[in-house]
PDB file of N, CA and C in Angstrom:
ATOM      1  N   MET A   1       0.995  -1.210   0.043  1.00  0.00           N
ATOM      2  CA  MET A   1      -0.007  -0.069   0.065  1.00  0.00           C
ATOM      3  C   MET A   1       0.811   1.065  -0.310  1.00  0.00           C
ATOM      4  N   ARG A   2       1.888   1.492   0.700  1.00  0.00           N
ATOM      5  CA  ARG A   2       3.048   2.460   0.916  1.00  0.00           C
ATOM      6  C   ARG A   2       3.719   2.845  -0.293  1.00  0.00           C
ATOM      7  N   LYS A   3       3.662   1.640  -1.081  1.00  0.00           N
ATOM      8  CA  LYS A   3       4.527   1.607  -2.452  1.00  0.00           C
ATOM      9  C   LYS A   3       3.347   2.252  -3.288  1.00  0.00           C
ATOM     10  N   LEU A   4       2.346   2.011  -3.368  1.00  0.00           N
ATOM     11  CA  LEU A   4       1.129   2.475  -4.592  1.00  0.00           C
ATOM     12  C   LEU A   4       1.001   4.133  -4.014  1.00  0.00           C
ATOM     13  N   ILE A   5       1.134   4.282  -2.872  1.00  0.00           N
ATOM     14  CA  ILE A   5       1.234   5.484  -2.615  1.00  0.00           C
ATOM     15  C   ILE A   5       2.446   6.602  -3.125  1.00  0.00           C
ATOM     16  N   GLY A   6       3.557   5.952  -2.924  1.00  0.00           N
ATOM     17  CA  GLY A   6       4.481   6.533  -3.108  1.00  0.00           C
ATOM     18  C   GLY A   6       4.836   6.837  -4.499  1.00  0.00           C
ATOM     19  N   ILE A   7       4.476   5.721  -5.619  1.00  0.00           N
ATOM     20  CA  ILE A   7       4.597   5.712  -6.961  1.00  0.00           C
ATOM     21  C   ILE A   7       3.245   6.820  -7.213  1.00  0.00           C
ATOM     22  N   ALA A   8       2.261   7.139  -6.754  1.00  0.00           N
ATOM     23  CA  ALA A   8       1.265   8.212  -6.770  1.00  0.00           C
ATOM     24  C   ALA A   8       1.824   9.390  -6.664  1.00  0.00           C
ATOM     25  N   ILE A   9       2.347   9.497  -5.460  1.00  0.00           N
ATOM     26  CA  ILE A   9       3.187  10.886  -5.206  1.00  0.00           C
ATOM     27  C   ILE A   9       3.909  11.469  -6.303  1.00  0.00           C
ATOM     28  N   LEU A  10       4.861  10.655  -6.624  1.00  0.00           N
ATOM     29  CA  LEU A  10       5.963  10.478  -7.496  1.00  0.00           C
ATOM     30  C   LEU A  10       5.491  10.920  -8.905  1.00  0.00           C
ATOM     31  N   LEU A  11       4.403  10.256  -9.631  1.00  0.00           N
ATOM     32  CA  LEU A  11       3.559  10.582 -10.507  1.00  0.00           C
ATOM     33  C   LEU A  11       2.981  12.203 -10.545  1.00  0.00           C
ATOM     34  N   LEU A  12       2.485  12.425  -9.522  1.00  0.00           N
ATOM     35  CA  LEU A  12       1.887  13.947  -9.392  1.00  0.00           C
ATOM     36  C   LEU A  12       2.906  14.684  -9.629  1.00  0.00           C
ATOM     37  N   GLY A  13       3.784  14.510  -8.626  1.00  0.00           N
ATOM     38  CA  GLY A  13       5.046  15.668  -8.721  1.00  0.00           C
ATOM     39  C   GLY A  13       5.574  15.722 -10.248  1.00  0.00           C
ATOM     40  N   ALA A  14       5.854  14.599 -10.793  1.00  0.00           N
ATOM     41  CA  ALA A  14       6.690  14.574 -11.909  1.00  0.00           C
ATOM     42  C   ALA A  14       5.717  15.499 -12.852  1.00  0.00           C
ATOM     43  N   THR A  15       4.480  15.113 -12.857  1.00  0.00           N
ATOM     44  CA  THR A  15       3.399  15.939 -13.859  1.00  0.00           C
ATOM     45  C   THR A  15       3.460  17.231 -13.501  1.00  0.00           C
ATOM     46  N   LEU A  16       3.457  17.885 -12.179  1.00  0.00           N
ATOM     47  CA  LEU A  16       3.508  19.218 -11.901  1.00  0.00           C
ATOM     48  C   LEU A  16       4.949  19.923 -12.517  1.00  0.00           C
ATOM     49  N   LEU A  17       5.650  19.557 -11.828  1.00  0.00           N
ATOM     50  CA  LEU A  17       7.027  19.892 -12.487  1.00  0.00           C
ATOM     51  C   LEU A  17       7.334  19.800 -14.064  1.00  0.00           C
ATOM     52  N   LEU A  18       6.828  19.416 -14.740  1.00  0.00           N
ATOM     53  CA  LEU A  18       6.496  18.984 -15.994  1.00  0.00           C
ATOM     54  C   LEU A  18       5.850  20.132 -16.842  1.00  0.00           C
ATOM     55  N   GLY A  19       4.619  20.089 -15.721  1.00  0.00           N
ATOM     56  CA  GLY A  19       3.561  21.025 -16.530  1.00  0.00           C
ATOM     57  C   GLY A  19       4.135  22.683 -16.255  1.00  0.00           C
ATOM     58  N   GLN A  20       5.167  22.844 -15.656  1.00  0.00           N
ATOM     59  CA  GLN A  20       5.273  24.154 -15.328  1.00  0.00           C
ATOM     60  C   GLN A  20       5.792  24.812 -16.588  1.00  0.00           C
ATOM     61  N   THR A  21       5.119  26.152 -16.955  1.00  0.00           N
ATOM     62  CA  THR A  21       5.784  26.861 -18.281  1.00  0.00           C
ATOM     63  C   THR A  21       6.680  28.037 -17.620  1.00  0.00           C
ATOM     64  N   THR A  22       7.497  28.165 -18.686  1.00  0.00           N
ATOM     65  CA  THR A  22       8.295  29.581 -18.495  1.00  0.00           C
ATOM     66  C   THR A  22       7.768  30.909 -18.676  1.00  0.00           C
ATOM     67  N   SER A  23       8.035  31.624 -18.111  1.00  0.00           N
ATOM     68  CA  SER A  23       7.814  33.403 -18.502  1.00  0.00           C
ATOM     69  C   SER A  23       8.616  34.113 -20.093  1.00  0.00           C
ATOM     70  N   THR A  24       9.577  33.212 -19.904  1.00  0.00           N
ATOM     71  CA  THR A  24      10.727  33.834 -21.334  1.00  0.00           C
ATOM     72  C   THR A  24      10.014  33.227 -22.551  1.00  0.00           C
ATOM     73  N   PRO A  25       9.813  33.703 -23.345  1.00  0.00           N
ATOM     74  CA  PRO A  25       9.550  33.058 -24.888  1.00  0.00           C
ATOM     75  C   PRO A  25      10.619  31.921 -25.468  1.00  0.00           C
ATOM     76  N   PRO A  26      10.383  30.952 -26.020  1.00  0.00           N
ATOM     77  CA  PRO A  26      11.350  30.079 -26.464  1.00  0.00           C
ATOM     78  C   PRO A  26      12.366  31.129 -27.717  1.00  0.00           C
ATOM     79  N   ARG A  27      13.167  29.990 -28.074  1.00  0.00           N
ATOM     80  CA  ARG A  27      14.365  30.376 -28.473  1.00  0.00           C
ATOM     81  C   ARG A  27      13.793  30.731 -29.819  1.00  0.00           C
ATOM     82  N   GLY A  28      14.148  32.087 -30.765  1.00  0.00           N
ATOM     83  CA  GLY A  28      13.651  32.315 -31.813  1.00  0.00           C
ATOM     84  C   GLY A  28      12.521  33.116 -31.708  1.00  0.00           C
ATOM     85  N   PHE A  29      11.866  33.518 -30.596  1.00  0.00           N
ATOM     86  CA  PHE A  29      10.501  34.297 -30.759  1.00  0.00           C
ATOM     87  C   PHE A  29      10.620  35.485 -30.011  1.00  0.00           C
ATOM     88  N   GLU A  30      11.982  36.052 -29.569  1.00  0.00           N
ATOM     89  CA  GLU A  30      12.153  36.819 -28.984  1.00  0.00           C
ATOM     90  C   GLU A  30      11.986  38.515 -29.393  1.00  0.00           C
ATOM     91  N   ASN A  31      11.695  38.155 -30.328  1.00  0.00           N
ATOM     92  CA  ASN A  31      11.237  39.961 -31.061  1.00  0.00           C
ATOM     93  C   ASN A  31       9.921  39.729 -31.473  1.00  0.00           C
ATOM     94  N   VAL A  32       9.265  38.770 -31.707  1.00  0.00           N
ATOM     95  CA  VAL A  32       7.791  38.578 -32.171  1.00  0.00           C
ATOM     96  C   VAL A  32       6.896  39.498 -31.239  1.00  0.00           C
ATOM     97  N   ARG A  33       6.234  40.206 -31.552  1.00  0.00           N
ATOM     98  CA  ARG A  33       5.205  40.954 -30.771  1.00  0.00           C
ATOM     99  C   ARG A  33       3.708  40.418 -30.685  1.00  0.00           C
ATOM    100  N   GLU A  34       3.237  40.356 -29.344  1.00  0.00           N
ATOM    101  CA  GLU A  34       2.255  39.550 -29.270  1.00  0.00           C
ATOM    102  C   GLU A  34       0.925  39.869 -29.646  1.00  0.00           C
ATOM    103  N   MET A  35       0.277  39.207 -30.369  1.00  0.00           N
ATOM    104  CA  MET A  35      -1.006  39.741 -31.131  1.00  0.00           C
ATOM    105  C   MET A  35      -2.350  39.684 -30.216  1.00  0.00           C
ATOM    106  N   VAL A  36      -2.978  40.791 -30.046  1.00  0.00           N
ATOM    107  CA  VAL A  36      -4.012  40.671 -29.522  1.00  0.00           C
ATOM    108  C   VAL A  36      -4.836  41.666 -30.027  1.00  0.00           C
ATOM    109  N   GLU A  37      -6.127  40.821 -30.287  1.00  0.00           N
ATOM    110  CA  GLU A  37      -7.336  41.468 -31.221  1.00  0.00           C
ATOM    111  C   GLU A  37      -8.083  42.451 -30.209  1.00  0.00           C
ATOM    112  N   THR A  38      -7.780  43.830 -30.778  1.00  0.00           N
ATOM    113  CA  THR A  38      -8.622  45.008 -30.219  1.00  0.00           C
ATOM    114  C   THR A  38     -10.194  44.834 -30.587  1.00  0.00           C
ATOM    115  N   GLU A  39     -10.448  44.207 -31.497  1.00  0.00           N
ATOM    116  CA  GLU A  39     -12.091  44.445 -31.817  1.00  0.00           C
ATOM    117  C   GLU A  39     -12.915  43.408 -31.349  1.00  0.00           C
ATOM    118  N   VAL A  40     -14.053  43.660 -30.361  1.00  0.00           N
ATOM    119  CA  VAL A  40     -14.683  42.944 -29.535  1.00  0.00           C
ATOM    120  C   VAL A  40     -15.797  42.360 -30.512  1.00  0.00           C
ATOM    121  N   MET A  41     -16.164  40.985 -30.764  1.00  0.00           N
ATOM    122  CA  MET A  41     -17.134  40.466 -31.628  1.00  0.00           C
ATOM    123  C   MET A  41     -18.243  40.055 -30.374  1.00  0.00           C
ATOM    124  N   ASP A  42     -19.602  40.764 -31.164  1.00  0.00           N
ATOM    125  CA  ASP A  42     -20.793  40.643 -30.331  1.00  0.00           C
ATOM    126  C   ASP A  42     -21.352  39.664 -30.955  1.00  0.00           C
ATOM    127  N   ILE A  43     -21.838  38.494 -30.226  1.00  0.00           N
ATOM    128  CA  ILE A  43     -22.529  37.527 -31.199  1.00  0.00           C
ATOM    129  C   ILE A  43     -23.913  37.659 -30.296  1.00  0.00           C
ATOM    130  N   GLN A  44     -24.898  37.723 -31.341  1.00  0.00           N
ATOM    131  CA  GLN A  44     -26.346  37.921 -30.339  1.00  0.00           C
ATOM    132  C   GLN A  44     -27.294  36.306 -30.866  1.00  0.00           C
ATOM    133  N   ILE A  45     -27.758  35.724 -29.466  1.00  0.00           N
ATOM    134  CA  ILE A  45     -28.472  34.538 -29.575  1.00  0.00           C
ATOM    135  C   ILE A  45     -29.363  34.656 -30.373  1.00  0.00           C
ATOM    136  N   LYS A  46     -30.353  35.836 -30.586  1.00  0.00           N
ATOM    137  CA  LYS A  46     -31.646  36.672 -31.069  1.00  0.00           C
ATOM    138  C   LYS A  46     -31.197  36.028 -32.829  1.00  0.00           C
ATOM    139  N   ALA A  47     -30.037  35.981 -33.292  1.00  0.00           N
ATOM    140  CA  ALA A  47     -29.841  35.966 -34.614  1.00  0.00           C
ATOM    141  C   ALA A  47     -30.046  35.055 -35.158  1.00  0.00           C
ATOM    142  N   PHE A  48     -29.709  33.759 -34.106  1.00  0.00           N
ATOM    143  CA  PHE A  48     -29.984  32.152 -34.772  1.00  0.00           C
ATOM    144  C   PHE A  48     -31.483  32.005 -34.210  1.00  0.00           C
ATOM    145  N   ILE A  49     -32.422  32.361 -33.871  1.00  0.00           N
ATOM    146  CA  ILE A  49     -33.757  31.694 -33.945  1.00  0.00           C
ATOM    147  C   ILE A  49     -34.307  32.221 -35.220  1.00  0.00           C
ATOM    148  N   PRO A  50     -34.850  31.094 -35.462  1.00  0.00           N
ATOM    149  CA  PRO A  50     -36.172  31.325 -36.910  1.00  0.00           C
ATOM    150  C   PRO A  50     -37.009  32.205 -36.697  1.00  0.00           C
ATOM    151  N   ASP A  51     -37.337  32.525 -37.782  1.00  0.00           N
ATOM    152  CA  ASP A  51     -38.615  33.749 -37.819  1.00  0.00           C
ATOM    153  C   ASP A  51     -39.752  32.621 -37.637  1.00  0.00           C
ATOM    154  N   ILE A  52     -40.346  32.847 -36.937  1.00  0.00           N
ATOM    155  CA  ILE A  52     -41.754  32.118 -36.512  1.00  0.00           C
ATOM    156  C   ILE A  52     -43.025  32.956 -37.088  1.00  0.00           C
ATOM    157  N   THR A  53     -42.947  34.034 -38.046  1.00  0.00           N
ATOM    158  CA  THR A  53     -44.107  34.778 -38.304  1.00  0.00           C
ATOM    159  C   THR A  53     -44.175  34.008 -39.842  1.00  0.00           C
ATOM    160  N   THR A  54     -43.094  33.297 -40.161  1.00  0.00           N
ATOM    161  CA  THR A  54     -43.381  32.831 -41.676  1.00  0.00           C
ATOM    162  C   THR A  54     -43.768  31.313 -41.656  1.00  0.00           C
ATOM    163  N   PHE A  55     -44.859  30.789 -42.181  1.00  0.00           N
ATOM    164  CA  PHE A  55     -44.936  29.475 -42.188  1.00  0.00           C
ATOM    165  C   PHE A  55     -44.560  28.506 -43.540  1.00  0.00           C
ATOM    166  N   LYS A  56     -43.981  27.847 -43.758  1.00  0.00           N
ATOM    167  CA  LYS A  56     -43.580  26.965 -44.519  1.00  0.00           C
ATOM    168  C   LYS A  56     -44.254  25.482 -44.487  1.00  0.00           C
ATOM    169  N   ASP A  57     -45.111  25.417 -45.607  1.00  0.00           N
ATOM    170  CA  ASP A  57     -45.716  23.978 -45.635  1.00  0.00           C
ATOM    171  C   ASP A  57     -45.088  23.222 -45.872  1.00  0.00           C
ATOM    172  N   LYS A  58     -44.875  22.016 -45.215  1.00  0.00           N
ATOM    173  CA  LYS A  58     -43.831  20.922 -46.100  1.00  0.00           C
ATOM    174  C   LYS A  58     -44.513  19.777 -46.240  1.00  0.00           C
ATOM    175  N   THR A  59     -45.836  20.065 -47.304  1.00  0.00           N
ATOM    176  CA  THR A  59     -46.482  18.657 -48.151  1.00  0.00           C
ATOM    177  C   THR A  59     -45.891  18.382 -49.264  1.00  0.00           C
ATOM    178  N   ASP A  60     -44.631  19.672 -49.662  1.00  0.00           N
ATOM    179  CA  ASP A  60     -43.849  19.126 -50.774  1.00  0.00           C
ATOM    180  C   ASP A  60     -42.597  18.549 -50.508  1.00  0.00           C
ATOM    181  N   THR A  61     -42.535  18.270 -49.486  1.00  0.00           N
ATOM    182  CA  THR A  61     -41.035  17.432 -48.819  1.00  0.00           C
ATOM    183  C   THR A  61     -41.375  15.934 -49.272  1.00  0.00           C
ATOM    184  N   TYR A  62     -42.483  15.389 -49.081  1.00  0.00           N
ATOM    185  CA  TYR A  62     -42.460  13.856 -49.317  1.00  0.00           C
ATOM    186  C   TYR A  62     -43.795  13.683 -50.610  1.00  0.00           C
ATOM    187  N   ASN A  63     -43.432  12.047 -51.124  1.00  0.00           N
ATOM    188  CA  ASN A  63     -44.562  11.982 -52.099  1.00  0.00           C
ATOM    189  C   ASN A  63     -45.748  11.175 -51.095  1.00  0.00           C
ATOM    190  N   TRP A  64     -47.056  11.768 -52.067  1.00  0.00           N
ATOM    191  CA  TRP A  64     -48.060  11.233 -51.657  1.00  0.00           C
ATOM    192  C   TRP A  64     -48.251   9.474 -51.638  1.00  0.00           C
ATOM    193  N   GLU A  65     -48.883   8.826 -50.971  1.00  0.00           N
ATOM    194  CA  GLU A  65     -48.881   7.310 -51.377  1.00  0.00           C
ATOM    195  C   GLU A  65     -49.396   6.933 -52.573  1.00  0.00           C
ATOM    196  N   GLY A  66     -48.254   6.133 -52.957  1.00  0.00           N
ATOM    197  CA  GLY A  66     -48.555   5.605 -54.304  1.00  0.00           C
ATOM    198  C   GLY A  66     -48.375   6.826 -55.349  1.00  0.00           C
ATOM    199  N   ASN A  67     -47.936   7.716 -55.070  1.00  0.00           N
ATOM    200  CA  ASN A  67     -47.499   8.325 -56.035  1.00  0.00           C
ATOM    201  C   ASN A  67     -46.088   8.794 -56.860  1.00  0.00           C
ATOM    202  N   TYR A  68     -45.534   7.646 -56.195  1.00  0.00           N
ATOM    203  CA  TYR A  68     -43.838   7.186 -56.764  1.00  0.00           C
ATOM    204  C   TYR A  68     -43.669   7.218 -58.445  1.00  0.00           C
ATOM    205  N   ASN A  69     -42.885   7.899 -58.862  1.00  0.00           N
ATOM    206  CA  ASN A  69     -42.364   7.892 -60.346  1.00  0.00           C
ATOM    207  C   ASN A  69     -41.285   7.092 -60.579  1.00  0.00           C
ATOM    208  N   PHE A  70     -41.602   5.839 -60.674  1.00  0.00           N
ATOM    209  CA  PHE A  70     -40.146   4.770 -60.463  1.00  0.00           C
ATOM    210  C   PHE A  70     -40.194   5.097 -62.005  1.00  0.00           C
ATOM    211  N   PRO A  71     -38.815   4.728 -62.681  1.00  0.00           N
ATOM    212  CA  PRO A  71     -38.507   4.531 -64.241  1.00  0.00           C
ATOM    213  C   PRO A  71     -39.542   3.189 -64.610  1.00  0.00           C
ATOM    214  N   LYS A  72     -39.615   2.937 -65.616  1.00  0.00           N
ATOM    215  CA  LYS A  72     -40.177   1.615 -66.043  1.00  0.00           C
ATOM    216  C   LYS A  72     -39.353   0.614 -65.983  1.00  0.00           C
ATOM    217  N   ALA A  73     -37.765   0.564 -66.149  1.00  0.00           N
ATOM    218  CA  ALA A  73     -36.948  -0.198 -66.316  1.00  0.00           C
ATOM    219  C   ALA A  73     -37.271  -0.885 -64.514  1.00  0.00           C
ATOM    220  N   LEU A  74     -36.940   0.065 -63.679  1.00  0.00           N
ATOM    221  CA  LEU A  74     -36.655  -0.377 -62.242  1.00  0.00           C
ATOM    222  C   LEU A  74     -38.055  -0.867 -61.874  1.00  0.00           C
ATOM    223  N   LEU A  75     -39.073  -0.293 -62.299  1.00  0.00           N
ATOM    224  CA  LEU A  75     -40.861  -1.491 -62.043  1.00  0.00           C
ATOM    225  C   LEU A  75     -40.673  -2.438 -62.229  1.00  0.00           C
ATOM    226  N   GLU A  76     -40.276  -3.281 -63.402  1.00  0.00           N
ATOM    227  CA  GLU A  76     -40.103  -4.487 -63.899  1.00  0.00           C
ATOM    228  C   GLU A  76     -38.866  -5.256 -63.010  1.00  0.00           C
ATOM    229  N   VAL A  77     -37.757  -4.699 -62.774  1.00  0.00           N
ATOM    230  CA  VAL A  77     -36.939  -5.180 -62.141  1.00  0.00           C
ATOM    231  C   VAL A  77     -37.393  -5.509 -60.487  1.00  0.00           C
ATOM    232  N   ILE A  78     -38.118  -4.384 -59.944  1.00  0.00           N
ATOM    233  CA  ILE A  78     -38.696  -4.953 -58.692  1.00  0.00           C
ATOM    234  C   ILE A  78     -40.121  -6.018 -58.502  1.00  0.00           C
ATOM    235  N   GLN A  79     -40.158  -5.946 -59.806  1.00  0.00           N
ATOM    236  CA  GLN A  79     -41.728  -7.217 -59.900  1.00  0.00           C
ATOM    237  C   GLN A  79     -41.455  -8.512 -60.177  1.00  0.00           C
ATOM    238  N   GLN A  80     -40.309  -8.374 -61.017  1.00  0.00           N
ATOM    239  CA  GLN A  80     -39.194  -9.768 -60.842  1.00  0.00           C
ATOM    240  C   GLN A  80     -38.743 -10.214 -59.563  1.00  0.00           C
ATOM    241  N   VAL A  81     -37.880  -9.260 -58.961  1.00  0.00           N
ATOM    242  CA  VAL A  81     -37.766  -9.539 -57.779  1.00  0.00           C
ATOM    243  C   VAL A  81     -38.490 -10.118 -56.787  1.00  0.00           C
ATOM    244  N   SER A  82     -39.801  -9.262 -56.416  1.00  0.00           N
ATOM    245  CA  SER A  82     -40.662  -9.522 -55.495  1.00  0.00           C
ATOM    246  C   SER A  82     -41.379 -10.988 -56.210  1.00  0.00           C
ATOM    247  N   LYS A  83     -41.304 -11.429 -57.066  1.00  0.00           N
ATOM    248  CA  LYS A  83     -41.894 -12.761 -57.798  1.00  0.00           C
ATOM    249  C   LYS A  83     -41.047 -13.624 -57.514  1.00  0.00           C
ATOM    250  N   GLN A  84     -40.004 -13.347 -57.567  1.00  0.00           N
ATOM    251  CA  GLN A  84     -38.543 -14.509 -57.383  1.00  0.00           C
ATOM    252  C   GLN A  84     -38.698 -14.814 -55.911  1.00  0.00           C
ATOM    253  N   GLN A  85     -39.001 -13.831 -54.914  1.00  0.00           N
ATOM    254  CA  GLN A  85     -38.933 -13.925 -53.368  1.00  0.00           C
ATOM    255  C   GLN A  85     -40.557 -14.877 -52.934  1.00  0.00           C
ATOM    256  N   LEU A  86     -41.362 -14.380 -53.622  1.00  0.00           N
ATOM    257  CA  LEU A  86     -42.670 -15.088 -53.280  1.00  0.00           C
ATOM    258  C   LEU A  86     -42.582 -16.449 -53.876  1.00  0.00           C
ATOM    259  N   THR A  87     -41.785 -16.937 -54.884  1.00  0.00           N
ATOM    260  CA  THR A  87     -42.010 -18.351 -55.536  1.00  0.00           C
ATOM    261  C   THR A  87     -40.782 -18.870 -54.522  1.00  0.00           C
ATOM    262  N   ARG A  88     -39.698 -18.474 -54.061  1.00  0.00           N
ATOM    263  CA  ARG A  88     -39.081 -19.076 -53.123  1.00  0.00           C
ATOM    264  C   ARG A  88     -39.706 -18.793 -51.763  1.00  0.00           C
ATOM    265  N   TRP A  89     -40.533 -18.188 -51.204  1.00  0.00           N
ATOM    266  CA  TRP A  89     -41.052 -18.616 -50.076  1.00  0.00           C
ATOM    267  C   TRP A  89     -42.170 -19.514 -49.794  1.00  0.00           C
ATOM    268  N   GLN A  90     -42.889 -19.980 -51.161  1.00  0.00           N
ATOM    269  CA  GLN A  90     -43.759 -20.458 -51.388  1.00  0.00           C
ATOM    270  C   GLN A  90     -43.258 -22.177 -51.370  1.00  0.00           C
ATOM    271  N   GLU A  91     -41.860 -22.173 -51.981  1.00  0.00           N
ATOM    272  CA  GLU A  91     -41.008 -22.915 -52.101  1.00  0.00           C
ATOM    273  C   GLU A  91     -40.608 -24.010 -50.448  1.00  0.00           C
ATOM    274  N   ILE A  92     -40.254 -22.593 -49.855  1.00  0.00           N
ATOM    275  CA  ILE A  92     -39.655 -23.013 -48.559  1.00  0.00           C
ATOM    276  C   ILE A  92     -40.979 -23.568 -47.614  1.00  0.00           C
ATOM    277  N   ARG A  93     -42.080 -22.717 -48.098  1.00  0.00           N
ATOM    278  CA  ARG A  93     -43.292 -23.540 -46.886  1.00  0.00           C
ATOM    279  C   ARG A  93     -43.742 -24.640 -47.111  1.00  0.00           C
ATOM    280  N   ASN A  94     -43.637 -25.068 -48.519  1.00  0.00           N
ATOM    281  CA  ASN A  94     -44.545 -26.203 -49.295  1.00  0.00           C
ATOM    282  C   ASN A  94     -43.248 -27.660 -48.447  1.00  0.00           C
ATOM    283  N   LYS A  95     -41.919 -27.267 -48.555  1.00  0.00           N
ATOM    284  CA  LYS A  95     -41.147 -28.035 -48.266  1.00  0.00           C
ATOM    285  C   LYS A  95     -41.092 -28.302 -46.683  1.00  0.00           C
ATOM    286  N   TRP A  96     -41.510 -27.166 -45.896  1.00  0.00           N
ATOM    287  CA  TRP A  96     -41.789 -26.911 -44.519  1.00  0.00           C
ATOM    288  C   TRP A  96     -42.964 -28.231 -43.979  1.00  0.00           C
ATOM    289  N   LEU A  97     -43.964 -27.996 -44.842  1.00  0.00           N
ATOM    290  CA  LEU A  97     -45.073 -28.674 -44.665  1.00  0.00           C
ATOM    291  C   LEU A  97     -45.045 -29.743 -45.179  1.00  0.00           C
ATOM    292  N   GLU A  98     -44.255 -30.326 -46.367  1.00  0.00           N
ATOM    293  CA  GLU A  98     -44.081 -31.842 -46.202  1.00  0.00           C
ATOM    294  C   GLU A  98     -43.104 -32.471 -45.153  1.00  0.00           C
ATOM    295  N   GLU A  99     -42.213 -31.931 -44.595  1.00  0.00           N
ATOM    296  CA  GLU A  99     -41.119 -32.255 -43.995  1.00  0.00           C
ATOM    297  C   GLU A  99     -42.243 -32.655 -42.476  1.00  0.00           C
ATOM    298  N   SER A 100     -43.147 -31.749 -42.064  1.00  0.00           N
ATOM    299  CA  SER A 100     -43.850 -31.487 -40.695  1.00  0.00           C
ATOM    300  C   SER A 100     -45.004 -32.724 -41.031  1.00  0.00           C
ATOM    301  N   LYS A 101     -45.247 -33.418 -41.919  1.00  0.00           N
ATOM    302  CA  LYS A 101     -46.458 -34.522 -41.743  1.00  0.00           C
ATOM    303  C   LYS A 101     -45.633 -35.660 -41.266  1.00  0.00           C
TER     304      LYS A 101
END
C-alpha cells in the first residue's frame, strides 16, 4: 500500500514539474510582438432564432401514397425480384409442410 502511495506521489510531482511553463519566450521568438485582437465580436443569440412569423408548408417534401414516379425498367426489376421472392417463400413453405407431415 505504501508503495502505491509513493508511486502516486512521484507521478503527481513529475506531472506538476513537467507542466510548469516558463515566462521567457522560446528561442527564436524573442522579437515577435504579441498579437492581441482589439476588436470585440458581439454575437447575439436572437440572430440564430428562426422567424416564426413565416409558415412554410412541408407537404412538398414527401410523395403522397402511391404517387412514386419510378422508371419503367426499375418497376420491372422490382416486380421480377418480388415474384422470385414469393416463389422462393412458397417453395420453403411447401417443403416445411411436407417435412412436418
